[in-house]
Amino acid sequence: MAYQGKKLINDPNDVVTEFIEGLVETYPGLQYLDGFPQIKVVLRADVLSAPYDKVAVISGGGSGHEPAHAGFVGPGMLTAAICGDVFTSPPVDSILTGIRAVTGSMGCLLIVKNYTGDRLNFGLAAEQAKSEGYKVEMVVVGDDCALPPPRGIAGRRGLAGTILVHKVAGAAADAGLSLADVAAEAKHASEMVGTMGVALSVCTLPGHVTSDRLGPGLMELGLGIHGEPGAAVVDLQPVDVVVSHVLKQILSPETKYVPITRGSRVVLMINGLGATPMMELMIAAGKAVPQLQVEHGLAIDRVYTGSFMTSLDMAGFSISIMKAEPAILQRLDAPTSAPSWPVGVEGDHPPTKIPIPVPASCSGKTDERTFNEPQELNEQGCMMEVAIEAAAIEIINLREKLNEWDSKVGDGDCGSTMHRGATAVLEDMKRCYPLNDAAETVNEIGASLRRVMGGTSGILYDIFCKAAYASLKGNHVITPSQWATALEVSVAAVSKYGGAVAGYRTMLDALIPASKVLREILDTGDDALKAFLLSSEAALTGAESTKNMHAQVIPFPSYHSRAYMVCKPAVVNVIYYNASTI
């Protein structure tokens, strides 16, 4: 029988902000930005006294995984952690604020766990930061070894192995390496580690009912850190049997998730999921070491045991195994004062802290939309107005048909979602779009869509517009070739952060051929109008081709968002071309 979970909290809506307040009072090296409740960012207190002259390493995600990620902020590890609500990806504005707060001339690296919400929100923040002049790179960690290699774009989930990547990247940044080198070391480390989790209970979200999915005498193998179902539910087994199964899964020569073979040297992490006593974690560690040595022929160079990335009050543990190359060991052994890394923390407790003001955008703009006075439109402004209006009206008229198509592959709301976006674009265009500035107008279109569409769709379209804006800005009159370049850059950005490529049955199957045809015809010197018309026909042909494709995605539950939004057939995006001319 399900029952209300017991929690020592106040308002369930305030748990993350109150956690942060307690965290910074406990550890002298941490501070937070005065942005509650929307912005929840924990950062190193020492980076605020002078311009930061090293690569900033930023991570984050939904809360409920403490001590990850804020507990790993400190010299030699993370520069800042962006905290979302419980099991909810942090919003783009919070991520962007964190980037602005700690990023200096050396740039910043974003380390993101492989969940759709995190990839899209951090990706959009990265594009916005780049458009403001910041140097930003992003590494996505997917260390899950519980499930067979997926055929689609979701890939492996990010689990506790991400903490080892944090340590490697933080030490590399602290050593003064360039952004490119820090990112390269982080990416390499992420490819060296594999993780699998085992749970005896399902976690309880603050203010929610406790799930009874796992009854007495049962355990779950390979579940995720948000309580999503795992690979299998089985009878409770002795810990040495469980450890043996997990190690074989991670080191399987069939899946080849990690490049570890007999004779390799490895690092072992035993991670508690929130409600597992240290006694049980130590028992698991004691069983894992001899099994790795005897059964798998591995040498163990380091063992880390404790709670590093939890799932609220879940009972269970995960095991991470990382190949222990000399360079990786050097980074893991480098000093850090991050409070939750297994080393001592020095320093006296300071007086009660005053929150640090949220930094302004380097562009001098506020995050609030500015409503401009009516302007006299030039020729380009008139063209922009006509094109935007034509595209928006076409989308509005297609609402019912899009919903009908979407009901065959999704939840039947695509037309309604697109209708909201198109309506907002029309309304905002009359009030605040600087139509004489094409780049800024494209940027505002993205902001309008993200504000009202929400979910994956709004983020994807905003990423598309943000990338186009970064390509176009600074040009007062946009040439056809520059529009083609902006389309290419936008398509690449959607593919990068959404994970899809041609043939995955997404809107890219319409956009990619359109972009290719547009560039080919313009490069021949042919008429620009002809190029855009043929590009439109290529988009329609590409959309039609998705009818015979299989959707290449196996979605995992991701912060209660609908990850499958990215795999809806491109046929619902046949209106692409009406919008592409803007």
Protein backbone atom coordinates (compact mmCIF):
# COMPACT_ATOMS: atom_id res chain seq x y z
CA MET A 1 0.00 0.00 0.00
CA ALA A 2 1.33 3.46 -0.91
CA TYR A 3 1.77 5.98 1.89
CA GLN A 4 2.89 9.57 2.37
CA GLY A 5 6.66 9.75 2.67
CA LYS A 6 8.13 11.15 5.89
CA LYS A 7 10.53 14.06 5.43
CA LEU A 8 12.19 16.52 7.82
CA ILE A 9 11.39 19.55 5.70
CA ASN A 10 9.23 22.66 5.67
CA ASP A 11 7.54 23.48 2.37
CA PRO A 12 8.37 20.85 -0.31
CA ASN A 13 8.79 23.72 -2.78
CA ASP A 14 11.61 25.24 -0.70
CA VAL A 15 13.80 22.20 -0.08
CA VAL A 16 16.50 23.12 -2.60
CA THR A 17 16.90 26.74 -1.50
CA GLU A 18 16.98 25.76 2.17
CA PHE A 19 19.51 23.03 1.40
CA ILE A 20 21.79 25.58 -0.28
CA GLU A 21 21.51 27.98 2.66
CA GLY A 22 22.59 25.24 5.04
CA LEU A 23 25.36 24.07 2.75
CA VAL A 24 27.14 27.43 2.52
CA GLU A 25 26.87 27.93 6.29
CA THR A 26 28.57 24.56 6.76
CA TYR A 27 31.47 24.94 4.32
CA PRO A 28 33.58 28.12 4.32
CA GLY A 29 34.69 27.85 0.69
CA LEU A 30 31.19 27.94 -0.79
CA GLN A 31 28.88 30.84 -1.61
CA TYR A 32 25.61 31.24 -3.50
CA LEU A 33 24.03 33.80 -5.78
CA ASP A 34 21.15 35.89 -4.48
CA GLY A 35 18.67 34.64 -7.04
CA PHE A 36 16.21 32.49 -5.11
CA PRO A 37 13.85 30.97 -5.95
CA GLN A 38 14.45 30.93 -9.71
CA ILE A 39 18.26 30.93 -9.71
CA LYS A 40 20.00 28.42 -7.47
CA VAL A 41 23.76 28.52 -8.06
CA VAL A 42 26.51 27.42 -5.65
CA LEU A 43 30.01 28.65 -6.46
CA ARG A 44 33.50 28.97 -5.07
CA ALA A 45 33.69 32.00 -2.82
CA ASP A 46 37.34 32.68 -3.81
CA VAL A 47 36.61 33.23 -7.53
CA LEU A 48 34.70 36.42 -6.77
CA SER A 49 37.55 38.45 -5.27
CA ALA A 50 39.45 38.85 -8.56
CA PRO A 51 39.02 38.00 -12.25
CA TYR A 52 39.22 34.23 -12.58
CA ASP A 53 42.27 33.30 -14.66
CA LYS A 54 41.65 29.58 -15.14
CA VAL A 55 39.08 27.51 -16.98
CA ALA A 56 35.83 27.42 -15.00
CA VAL A 57 34.35 23.93 -14.62
CA ILE A 58 30.57 24.00 -14.20
CA SER A 59 28.16 21.14 -13.70
CA GLY A 60 24.72 20.64 -12.23
CA GLY A 61 21.31 19.17 -12.82
CA GLY A 62 18.27 18.28 -10.82
CA SER A 63 18.62 18.29 -7.05
CA GLY A 64 18.02 15.24 -4.90
CA HIS A 65 21.43 13.69 -5.70
CA GLU A 66 23.36 15.29 -2.85
CA PRO A 67 26.21 15.73 -2.34
CA ALA A 68 26.23 16.02 -6.14
CA HIS A 69 26.69 18.52 -7.49
CA ALA A 70 27.15 21.42 -5.08
CA GLY A 71 29.21 19.32 -2.67
CA PHE A 72 31.95 19.04 -5.27
CA VAL A 73 32.45 22.77 -5.70
CA GLY A 74 35.90 23.89 -4.62
CA PRO A 75 39.49 24.51 -5.81
CA GLY A 76 40.64 21.53 -7.83
CA MET A 77 37.12 20.44 -8.73
CA LEU A 78 33.97 22.38 -9.78
CA THR A 79 33.92 26.15 -9.98
CA ALA A 80 30.12 26.28 -9.77
CA ALA A 81 27.11 23.97 -9.58
CA ILE A 82 23.72 24.83 -11.05
CA CYS A 83 20.91 23.35 -8.95
CA GLY A 84 17.53 22.55 -10.45
CA ASP A 85 14.48 21.61 -8.45
CA VAL A 86 14.25 17.99 -7.31
CA PHE A 87 14.85 15.71 -10.30
CA THR A 88 14.27 18.70 -12.61
CA SER A 89 16.86 20.09 -14.99
CA PRO A 90 17.87 23.65 -14.02
CA PRO A 91 16.39 26.36 -16.25
CA VAL A 92 18.47 27.99 -18.95
CA ASP A 93 18.57 31.34 -17.12
CA SER A 94 20.11 29.73 -14.02
CA ILE A 95 22.80 28.01 -16.07
CA LEU A 96 23.55 31.19 -17.98
CA THR A 97 23.79 33.15 -14.73
CA GLY A 98 26.28 30.63 -13.36
CA ILE A 99 28.40 30.91 -16.50
CA ARG A 100 28.45 34.69 -16.26
CA ALA A 101 29.33 34.61 -12.57
CA VAL A 102 32.51 32.53 -12.77
CA THR A 103 33.79 32.51 -16.37
CA GLY A 104 36.88 34.55 -17.13
CA SER A 105 39.12 34.90 -20.15
CA MET A 106 40.03 31.20 -20.17
CA GLY A 107 36.41 30.16 -20.75
CA CYS A 108 34.34 27.46 -19.11
CA LEU A 109 33.59 23.76 -19.47
CA LEU A 110 30.07 22.44 -18.85
CA ILE A 111 29.93 18.82 -17.65
CA VAL A 112 26.44 17.45 -18.24
CA LYS A 113 24.87 14.10 -17.43
CA ASN A 114 23.19 12.45 -20.41
CA TYR A 115 19.54 13.30 -19.85
CA THR A 116 17.47 15.11 -22.46
CA GLY A 117 16.52 18.02 -20.20
CA ASP A 118 20.12 18.64 -19.10
CA ARG A 119 21.52 18.40 -22.60
CA LEU A 120 19.02 20.85 -24.04
CA ASN A 121 19.02 23.40 -21.21
CA PHE A 122 22.80 23.44 -20.79
CA GLY A 123 23.16 23.44 -24.58
CA LEU A 124 20.95 26.48 -25.04
CA ALA A 125 22.74 28.30 -22.21
CA ALA A 126 26.06 27.50 -23.89
CA GLU A 127 24.88 28.96 -27.19
CA GLN A 128 23.60 32.10 -25.48
CA ALA A 129 26.89 32.49 -23.59
CA LYS A 130 28.85 32.08 -26.81
CA SER A 131 26.74 34.78 -28.45
CA GLU A 132 27.72 37.07 -25.55
CA GLY A 133 31.41 36.43 -26.14
CA TYR A 134 32.18 33.70 -23.63
CA LYS A 135 34.27 30.68 -24.59
CA VAL A 136 32.24 27.58 -23.72
CA GLU A 137 32.68 23.84 -24.28
CA MET A 138 30.38 21.02 -23.15
CA VAL A 139 31.08 17.37 -22.33
CA VAL A 140 28.16 14.95 -21.91
CA VAL A 141 28.75 11.98 -19.60
CA GLY A 142 26.88 8.73 -20.18
CA ASP A 143 28.43 6.01 -18.00
CA ASP A 144 25.41 3.72 -17.51
CA CYS A 145 26.14 0.05 -18.23
CA ALA A 146 22.81 -1.44 -17.16
CA LEU A 147 21.08 -1.69 -20.53
CA PRO A 148 22.16 -3.04 -23.93
CA PRO A 149 23.62 -0.48 -26.35
CA PRO A 150 20.59 1.51 -27.61
CA ARG A 151 19.91 1.93 -31.29
CA GLY A 152 18.57 5.45 -30.89
CA ILE A 153 19.76 8.85 -29.74
CA ALA A 154 19.03 8.68 -26.01
CA GLY A 155 22.19 6.77 -25.24
CA ARG A 156 23.59 5.89 -21.83
CA ARG A 157 22.40 7.74 -18.75
CA GLY A 158 24.78 9.86 -16.67
CA LEU A 159 25.40 8.28 -13.26
CA ALA A 160 27.95 8.42 -10.42
CA GLY A 161 30.93 8.07 -12.75
CA THR A 162 30.30 11.72 -13.57
CA ILE A 163 31.90 12.62 -10.23
CA LEU A 164 35.22 11.13 -11.36
CA VAL A 165 34.99 13.20 -14.53
CA HIS A 166 34.42 16.30 -12.37
CA LYS A 167 37.63 15.55 -10.48
CA VAL A 168 39.71 14.99 -13.60
CA ALA A 169 38.43 18.17 -15.28
CA GLY A 170 38.76 20.26 -12.11
CA ALA A 171 42.35 19.20 -11.56
CA ALA A 172 43.21 19.88 -15.20
CA ALA A 173 41.70 23.36 -14.98
CA ASP A 174 43.49 24.04 -11.69
CA ALA A 175 46.77 23.12 -13.39
CA GLY A 176 46.22 25.99 -15.82
CA LEU A 177 45.40 24.03 -18.96
CA SER A 178 43.53 25.62 -21.85
CA LEU A 179 39.79 25.14 -22.36
CA ALA A 180 40.39 22.76 -25.25
CA ASP A 181 42.76 20.63 -23.17
CA VAL A 182 40.48 20.55 -20.13
CA ALA A 183 37.55 19.52 -22.31
CA ALA A 184 39.67 16.83 -23.97
CA GLU A 185 40.71 15.36 -20.63
CA ALA A 186 37.11 15.39 -19.38
CA LYS A 187 35.82 13.69 -22.51
CA HIS A 188 38.53 11.06 -22.34
CA ALA A 189 37.79 10.39 -18.67
CA SER A 190 34.09 9.98 -19.47
CA GLU A 191 34.99 7.27 -21.98
CA MET A 192 37.03 5.37 -19.39
CA VAL A 193 34.28 4.87 -16.78
CA GLY A 194 31.23 2.63 -16.47
CA THR A 195 28.53 2.48 -13.76
CA MET A 196 25.60 0.30 -12.75
CA GLY A 197 23.16 0.74 -9.87
CA VAL A 198 21.16 -1.62 -7.67
CA ALA A 199 18.23 -0.58 -5.44
CA LEU A 200 16.24 -2.12 -2.62
CA SER A 201 13.65 0.67 -2.56
CA VAL A 202 12.25 3.47 -4.72
CA CYS A 203 12.98 7.04 -3.66
CA THR A 204 10.28 9.37 -2.32
CA LEU A 205 10.06 12.92 -3.67
CA PRO A 206 9.37 15.61 -1.05
CA GLY A 207 5.61 15.95 -0.57
CA HIS A 208 4.84 12.85 -2.65
CA VAL A 209 3.53 9.40 -1.91
CA THR A 210 6.07 6.60 -1.50
CA SER A 211 5.95 4.16 -4.40
CA ASP A 212 5.28 0.50 -3.68
CA ARG A 213 6.80 -0.67 -6.96
CA LEU A 214 9.38 -2.77 -5.10
CA GLY A 215 7.66 -5.06 -2.66
CA PRO A 216 9.21 -7.14 0.13
CA GLY A 217 12.02 -9.45 -0.89
CA LEU A 218 12.66 -7.73 -4.23
CA MET A 219 15.48 -5.64 -5.63
CA GLU A 220 15.93 -3.75 -8.88
CA LEU A 221 18.96 -3.93 -11.16
CA GLY A 222 20.10 -1.06 -13.32
CA LEU A 223 17.61 1.62 -12.34
CA GLY A 224 18.43 5.31 -12.85
CA ILE A 225 19.07 8.04 -10.31
CA HIS A 226 15.57 9.50 -10.73
CA GLY A 227 13.83 6.30 -9.65
CA GLU A 228 12.98 5.29 -13.20
CA PRO A 229 12.60 1.52 -13.70
CA GLY A 230 15.74 -0.48 -14.31
CA ALA A 231 16.65 -3.48 -16.39
CA ALA A 232 15.07 -6.11 -14.14
CA VAL A 233 13.32 -6.75 -10.82
CA VAL A 234 14.65 -9.88 -9.10
CA ASP A 235 14.58 -11.59 -5.72
CA LEU A 236 16.86 -10.10 -3.08
CA GLN A 237 20.32 -11.69 -3.27
CA PRO A 238 23.40 -11.69 -0.98
CA VAL A 239 25.65 -8.74 -1.60
CA ASP A 240 28.55 -10.74 -3.04
CA VAL A 241 26.19 -12.20 -5.68
CA VAL A 242 24.91 -8.72 -6.50
CA VAL A 243 28.41 -7.29 -6.73
CA SER A 244 29.50 -10.13 -9.01
CA HIS A 245 26.57 -9.47 -11.38
CA VAL A 246 27.22 -5.72 -11.51
CA LEU A 247 30.95 -6.14 -12.18
CA LYS A 248 30.29 -8.59 -15.01
CA GLN A 249 27.77 -6.21 -16.54
CA ILE A 250 30.15 -3.23 -16.47
CA LEU A 251 33.13 -5.22 -17.79
CA SER A 252 31.17 -7.24 -20.36
CA PRO A 253 33.31 -7.93 -23.45
CA GLU A 254 30.11 -8.02 -25.56
CA THR A 255 28.96 -4.46 -24.84
CA LYS A 256 32.50 -3.04 -24.53
CA TYR A 257 31.18 -0.11 -22.54
CA VAL A 258 34.63 0.48 -20.99
CA PRO A 259 38.06 -0.20 -22.55
CA ILE A 260 39.13 -2.41 -19.64
CA THR A 261 40.61 -5.88 -20.18
CA ARG A 262 42.52 -8.39 -18.04
CA GLY A 263 45.74 -6.82 -16.80
CA SER A 264 44.30 -3.28 -16.68
CA ARG A 265 44.60 -1.07 -13.63
CA VAL A 266 41.35 0.49 -12.41
CA VAL A 267 39.71 2.88 -9.97
CA LEU A 268 36.70 1.61 -8.02
CA MET A 269 33.88 3.76 -6.64
CA ILE A 270 31.16 2.33 -4.39
CA ASN A 271 28.41 4.94 -4.23
CA GLY A 272 25.48 4.95 -1.81
CA LEU A 273 22.11 6.00 -3.23
CA GLY A 274 20.90 7.89 -0.16
CA ALA A 275 19.60 5.44 2.45
CA THR A 276 22.33 2.83 2.48
CA PRO A 277 24.35 2.57 5.72
CA MET A 278 28.11 2.97 5.43
CA MET A 279 28.41 -0.56 6.79
CA GLU A 280 26.68 -1.99 3.73
CA LEU A 281 28.74 0.16 1.35
CA MET A 282 31.95 -1.05 2.96
CA ILE A 283 30.76 -4.64 2.68
CA ALA A 284 30.17 -4.09 -1.04
CA ALA A 285 33.64 -2.55 -1.42
CA GLY A 286 35.20 -5.46 0.44
CA LYS A 287 33.53 -7.92 -1.94
CA ALA A 288 34.25 -5.97 -5.10
CA VAL A 289 38.03 -5.67 -4.70
CA PRO A 290 38.90 -9.40 -4.58
CA GLN A 291 36.39 -10.17 -7.33
CA LEU A 292 38.00 -7.61 -9.59
CA GLN A 293 41.43 -9.04 -8.81
CA VAL A 294 40.69 -12.77 -9.04
CA GLU A 295 37.77 -13.08 -11.47
CA HIS A 296 38.62 -10.22 -13.82
CA GLY A 297 42.41 -10.01 -13.50
CA LEU A 298 42.48 -6.31 -12.66
CA ALA A 299 44.70 -4.28 -10.35
CA ILE A 300 42.89 -1.74 -8.16
CA ASP A 301 44.78 1.53 -7.72
CA ARG A 302 42.15 3.55 -5.84
CA VAL A 303 38.94 2.78 -3.96
CA TYR A 304 36.39 5.49 -3.10
CA THR A 305 33.49 4.45 -0.88
CA GLY A 306 30.69 6.73 0.29
CA SER A 307 27.68 8.65 -0.96
CA PHE A 308 28.68 10.74 -3.96
CA MET A 309 25.59 10.83 -6.20
CA THR A 310 22.40 9.77 -4.43
CA SER A 311 18.73 9.47 -5.30
CA LEU A 312 17.09 11.11 -2.28
CA ASP A 313 16.28 8.28 0.19
CA MET A 314 16.79 5.32 -2.11
CA ALA A 315 18.30 2.22 -0.53
CA GLY A 316 20.99 0.68 -2.69
CA PHE A 317 24.33 1.42 -4.28
CA SER A 318 26.07 1.84 -7.60
CA ILE A 319 29.49 0.67 -8.66
CA SER A 320 31.72 2.67 -11.00
CA ILE A 321 34.91 1.33 -12.57
CA MET A 322 37.35 3.63 -14.35
CA LYS A 323 40.51 2.67 -16.22
CA ALA A 324 43.40 4.00 -14.14
CA GLU A 325 45.76 5.55 -16.65
CA PRO A 326 48.70 7.46 -15.10
CA ALA A 327 47.36 10.82 -16.26
CA ILE A 328 43.93 10.09 -14.76
CA LEU A 329 45.45 9.01 -11.46
CA GLN A 330 47.44 12.22 -11.34
CA ARG A 331 44.21 14.22 -11.68
CA LEU A 332 42.37 12.13 -9.10
CA ASP A 333 45.22 12.55 -6.61
CA ALA A 334 45.54 16.30 -7.15
CA PRO A 335 44.56 18.37 -4.09
CA THR A 336 41.04 19.77 -3.77
CA SER A 337 39.02 21.35 -0.99
CA ALA A 338 35.65 20.40 -2.46
CA PRO A 339 33.80 19.37 0.72
CA SER A 340 32.40 16.04 -0.48
CA TRP A 341 35.47 14.66 -2.19
CA PRO A 342 37.04 12.13 0.22
CA VAL A 343 39.76 14.40 1.62
CA GLY A 344 39.92 16.75 4.60
CA VAL A 345 38.63 20.31 4.36
CA GLU A 346 40.67 23.08 5.99
CA GLY A 347 39.64 26.55 7.12
CA ASP A 348 37.76 28.25 9.93
CA HIS A 349 34.03 28.87 9.74
CA PRO A 350 33.46 32.50 8.62
CA PRO A 351 30.73 34.85 9.84
CA THR A 352 27.21 34.51 8.43
CA LYS A 353 27.37 35.31 4.72
CA ILE A 354 25.49 37.89 2.72
CA PRO A 355 24.35 36.55 -0.69
CA ILE A 356 26.26 37.84 -3.66
CA PRO A 357 24.19 39.78 -6.21
CA VAL A 358 23.37 38.03 -9.46
CA PRO A 359 25.77 39.31 -12.14
CA ALA A 360 24.38 41.25 -15.07
CA SER A 361 24.74 40.03 -18.63
CA CYS A 362 28.02 41.09 -20.20
CA SER A 363 26.03 42.53 -23.08
CA GLY A 364 24.51 45.06 -20.71
CA LYS A 365 21.00 43.82 -21.41
CA THR A 366 18.64 42.59 -18.77
CA ASP A 367 16.90 39.24 -19.06
CA GLU A 368 13.56 41.01 -19.29
CA ARG A 369 12.29 41.71 -22.78
CA THR A 370 12.49 45.33 -23.89
CA PHE A 371 9.45 46.72 -25.67
CA ASN A 372 10.63 49.20 -28.29
CA GLU A 373 8.84 52.26 -29.59
CA PRO A 374 7.31 51.79 -33.08
CA GLN A 375 9.97 52.14 -35.74
CA GLU A 376 9.96 53.04 -39.41
CA LEU A 377 10.85 49.89 -41.28
CA ASN A 378 13.51 49.79 -43.95
CA GLU A 379 13.36 47.39 -46.90
CA GLN A 380 14.81 44.48 -44.93
CA GLY A 381 12.50 45.21 -42.01
CA CYS A 382 9.45 45.10 -44.28
CA MET A 383 10.58 41.79 -45.72
CA MET A 384 11.10 40.37 -42.24
CA GLU A 385 7.62 41.46 -41.16
CA VAL A 386 5.93 39.91 -44.20
CA ALA A 387 7.89 36.65 -43.91
CA ILE A 388 7.26 36.24 -40.18
CA GLU A 389 3.57 36.96 -40.52
CA ALA A 390 3.16 34.55 -43.45
CA ALA A 391 4.96 31.74 -41.62
CA ALA A 392 3.09 32.28 -38.36
CA ILE A 393 -0.33 32.36 -40.04
CA GLU A 394 0.46 29.17 -41.95
CA ILE A 395 1.36 27.42 -38.69
CA ILE A 396 -1.78 28.71 -36.97
CA ASN A 397 -3.94 27.37 -39.80
CA LEU A 398 -2.29 23.95 -39.53
CA ARG A 399 -3.09 23.42 -35.85
CA GLU A 400 -5.76 20.74 -36.25
CA LYS A 401 -3.91 18.87 -38.98
CA LEU A 402 -0.68 18.84 -36.97
CA ASN A 403 -2.53 17.57 -33.91
CA GLU A 404 -4.07 14.82 -36.02
CA TRP A 405 -0.69 13.75 -37.39
CA ASP A 406 0.91 13.93 -33.97
CA SER A 407 -1.82 11.78 -32.41
CA LYS A 408 -0.54 8.91 -34.56
CA VAL A 409 2.99 9.06 -33.13
CA GLY A 410 2.84 11.10 -29.92
CA ASP A 411 0.39 12.75 -27.56
CA GLY A 412 -1.52 14.75 -30.15
CA ASP A 413 -0.58 18.25 -28.99
CA CYS A 414 2.03 19.31 -31.55
CA GLY A 415 -0.39 21.56 -33.44
CA SER A 416 -1.55 23.26 -30.25
CA THR A 417 2.03 23.78 -29.13
CA MET A 418 3.04 25.23 -32.50
CA HIS A 419 -0.10 27.38 -32.47
CA ARG A 420 0.96 28.91 -29.13
CA GLY A 421 4.40 29.62 -30.50
CA ALA A 422 3.16 31.20 -33.73
CA THR A 423 0.60 33.33 -31.88
CA ALA A 424 3.26 34.59 -29.47
CA VAL A 425 5.55 35.46 -32.36
CA LEU A 426 2.83 37.54 -34.02
CA GLU A 427 2.01 39.35 -30.79
CA ASP A 428 5.63 40.00 -29.84
CA MET A 429 6.52 41.14 -33.35
CA LYS A 430 4.06 44.04 -33.04
CA ARG A 431 5.52 45.09 -29.69
CA CYS A 432 9.21 44.37 -29.44
CA TYR A 433 10.89 42.84 -32.50
CA PRO A 434 13.59 45.13 -33.94
CA LEU A 435 12.67 44.15 -37.50
CA ASN A 436 15.31 46.37 -39.09
CA ASP A 437 17.92 44.17 -37.33
CA ALA A 438 17.45 40.67 -38.72
CA ALA A 439 19.83 38.97 -36.28
CA GLU A 440 18.18 40.46 -33.20
CA THR A 441 14.76 39.60 -34.59
CA VAL A 442 15.73 35.94 -35.01
CA ASN A 443 17.00 36.00 -31.42
CA GLU A 444 13.68 37.43 -30.21
CA ILE A 445 11.73 34.78 -32.13
CA GLY A 446 13.61 32.11 -30.22
CA ALA A 447 12.84 33.83 -26.91
CA SER A 448 9.13 34.02 -27.80
CA LEU A 449 8.99 30.33 -28.68
CA ARG A 450 10.81 29.19 -25.58
CA ARG A 451 8.57 31.31 -23.34
CA VAL A 452 5.27 29.83 -24.51
CA MET A 453 6.02 26.43 -26.01
CA GLY A 454 7.92 24.89 -23.12
CA GLY A 455 9.19 21.33 -22.97
CA THR A 456 11.61 19.98 -25.54
CA SER A 457 10.06 21.78 -28.51
CA GLY A 458 10.56 25.28 -27.15
CA ILE A 459 14.18 24.58 -26.22
CA LEU A 460 14.99 23.06 -29.60
CA TYR A 461 13.52 25.97 -31.54
CA ASP A 462 15.29 28.47 -29.29
CA ILE A 463 18.60 26.65 -29.78
CA PHE A 464 17.95 26.87 -33.53
CA CYS A 465 17.32 30.63 -33.34
CA LYS A 466 20.15 31.29 -30.88
CA ALA A 467 22.69 29.62 -33.15
CA ALA A 468 21.38 31.59 -36.14
CA TYR A 469 21.62 34.82 -34.15
CA ALA A 470 25.25 34.12 -33.25
CA SER A 471 26.00 33.58 -36.94
CA LEU A 472 24.15 36.67 -38.18
CA LYS A 473 24.81 39.31 -35.52
CA GLY A 474 26.85 42.31 -36.56
CA ASN A 475 25.57 42.28 -40.14
CA HIS A 476 23.18 45.13 -40.93
CA VAL A 477 22.13 43.69 -44.30
CA ILE A 478 21.98 39.91 -44.50
CA THR A 479 22.97 38.32 -47.82
CA PRO A 480 21.46 35.05 -49.08
CA SER A 481 24.80 33.33 -48.44
CA GLN A 482 24.78 34.54 -44.83
CA TRP A 483 21.24 33.19 -44.37
CA ALA A 484 22.44 29.85 -45.74
CA THR A 485 25.34 29.83 -43.29
CA ALA A 486 23.01 30.66 -40.41
CA LEU A 487 20.75 27.75 -41.41
CA GLU A 488 23.75 25.39 -41.50
CA VAL A 489 24.92 26.53 -38.07
CA SER A 490 21.41 26.21 -36.62
CA VAL A 491 20.95 22.69 -37.97
CA ALA A 492 24.31 21.70 -36.50
CA ALA A 493 23.33 23.13 -33.10
CA VAL A 494 20.02 21.25 -33.00
CA SER A 495 21.84 18.04 -33.94
CA LYS A 496 24.55 18.63 -31.33
CA TYR A 497 22.29 19.24 -28.36
CA GLY A 498 19.28 17.17 -29.40
CA GLY A 499 21.40 14.19 -30.42
CA ALA A 500 19.62 13.47 -33.72
CA VAL A 501 21.15 13.15 -37.19
CA ALA A 502 19.78 12.52 -40.66
CA GLY A 503 17.61 9.43 -40.77
CA TYR A 504 16.44 9.60 -37.14
CA ARG A 505 12.96 10.73 -38.19
CA THR A 506 13.10 14.23 -36.74
CA MET A 507 12.73 17.73 -38.09
CA LEU A 508 16.38 17.51 -39.17
CA ASP A 509 15.30 15.20 -41.98
CA ALA A 510 13.58 18.25 -43.49
CA LEU A 511 16.14 20.87 -42.47
CA ILE A 512 19.32 19.07 -43.58
CA PRO A 513 18.34 18.59 -47.26
CA ALA A 514 16.94 22.13 -47.34
CA SER A 515 20.21 23.53 -46.06
CA LYS A 516 22.26 21.43 -48.45
CA VAL A 517 20.24 22.44 -51.53
CA LEU A 518 20.24 26.11 -50.55
CA ARG A 519 24.03 26.15 -50.22
CA GLU A 520 24.65 24.20 -53.43
CA ILE A 521 22.49 26.46 -55.58
CA LEU A 522 23.77 29.71 -54.08
CA ASP A 523 27.37 28.57 -54.60
CA THR A 524 26.68 28.13 -58.32
CA GLY A 525 25.73 31.80 -58.51
CA ASP A 526 22.16 31.04 -59.49
CA ASP A 527 19.20 33.28 -58.61
CA ALA A 528 18.67 33.53 -54.83
CA LEU A 529 14.88 33.31 -55.10
CA LYS A 530 15.22 30.10 -57.10
CA ALA A 531 17.62 28.76 -54.46
CA PHE A 532 15.17 29.38 -51.64
CA LEU A 533 12.26 27.87 -53.57
CA LEU A 534 14.20 24.69 -54.39
CA SER A 535 15.37 24.56 -50.79
CA SER A 536 11.73 24.59 -49.72
CA GLU A 537 10.95 21.71 -52.07
CA ALA A 538 13.90 19.77 -50.61
CA ALA A 539 12.47 20.31 -47.12
CA LEU A 540 9.10 18.93 -48.19
CA THR A 541 10.73 15.92 -49.84
CA GLY A 542 12.78 15.29 -46.72
CA ALA A 543 9.70 15.51 -44.53
CA GLU A 544 7.81 13.07 -46.75
CA SER A 545 10.74 10.63 -46.56
CA THR A 546 10.18 10.20 -42.81
CA LYS A 547 7.00 8.22 -43.48
CA ASN A 548 9.08 5.12 -44.12
CA MET A 549 11.61 5.65 -41.31
CA HIS A 550 11.70 4.08 -37.86
CA ALA A 551 12.05 6.56 -34.99
CA GLN A 552 15.63 6.15 -33.75
CA VAL A 553 15.18 6.91 -30.06
CA ILE A 554 14.69 4.86 -26.91
CA PRO A 555 13.66 7.51 -24.38
CA PHE A 556 14.44 7.27 -20.69
CA PRO A 557 12.21 9.19 -18.28
CA SER A 558 13.99 12.53 -18.00
CA TYR A 559 12.76 14.91 -15.35
CA HIS A 560 9.20 14.01 -16.28
CA SER A 561 9.74 15.60 -19.71
CA ARG A 562 8.69 13.93 -22.91
CA ALA A 563 11.99 12.95 -24.44
CA TYR A 564 10.26 11.44 -27.45
CA MET A 565 9.36 14.94 -28.66
CA VAL A 566 12.62 14.92 -30.65
CA CYS A 567 11.60 11.83 -32.61
CA LYS A 568 8.25 12.99 -33.94
CA PRO A 569 8.20 12.67 -37.73
CA ALA A 570 9.48 15.61 -39.67
CA VAL A 571 6.16 15.61 -41.51
CA VAL A 572 4.86 17.81 -38.69
CA ASN A 573 7.55 20.34 -39.59
CA VAL A 574 6.69 20.78 -43.25
CA ILE A 575 5.99 24.39 -42.49
CA TYR A 576 9.77 24.79 -42.03
CA TYR A 577 10.31 26.73 -45.17
CA ASN A 578 7.80 29.49 -44.50
CA ALA A 579 9.79 30.26 -41.36
CA SER A 580 13.25 29.66 -42.81
CA THR A 581 13.17 32.75 -45.00
CA ILE A 582 13.19 34.96 -41.93
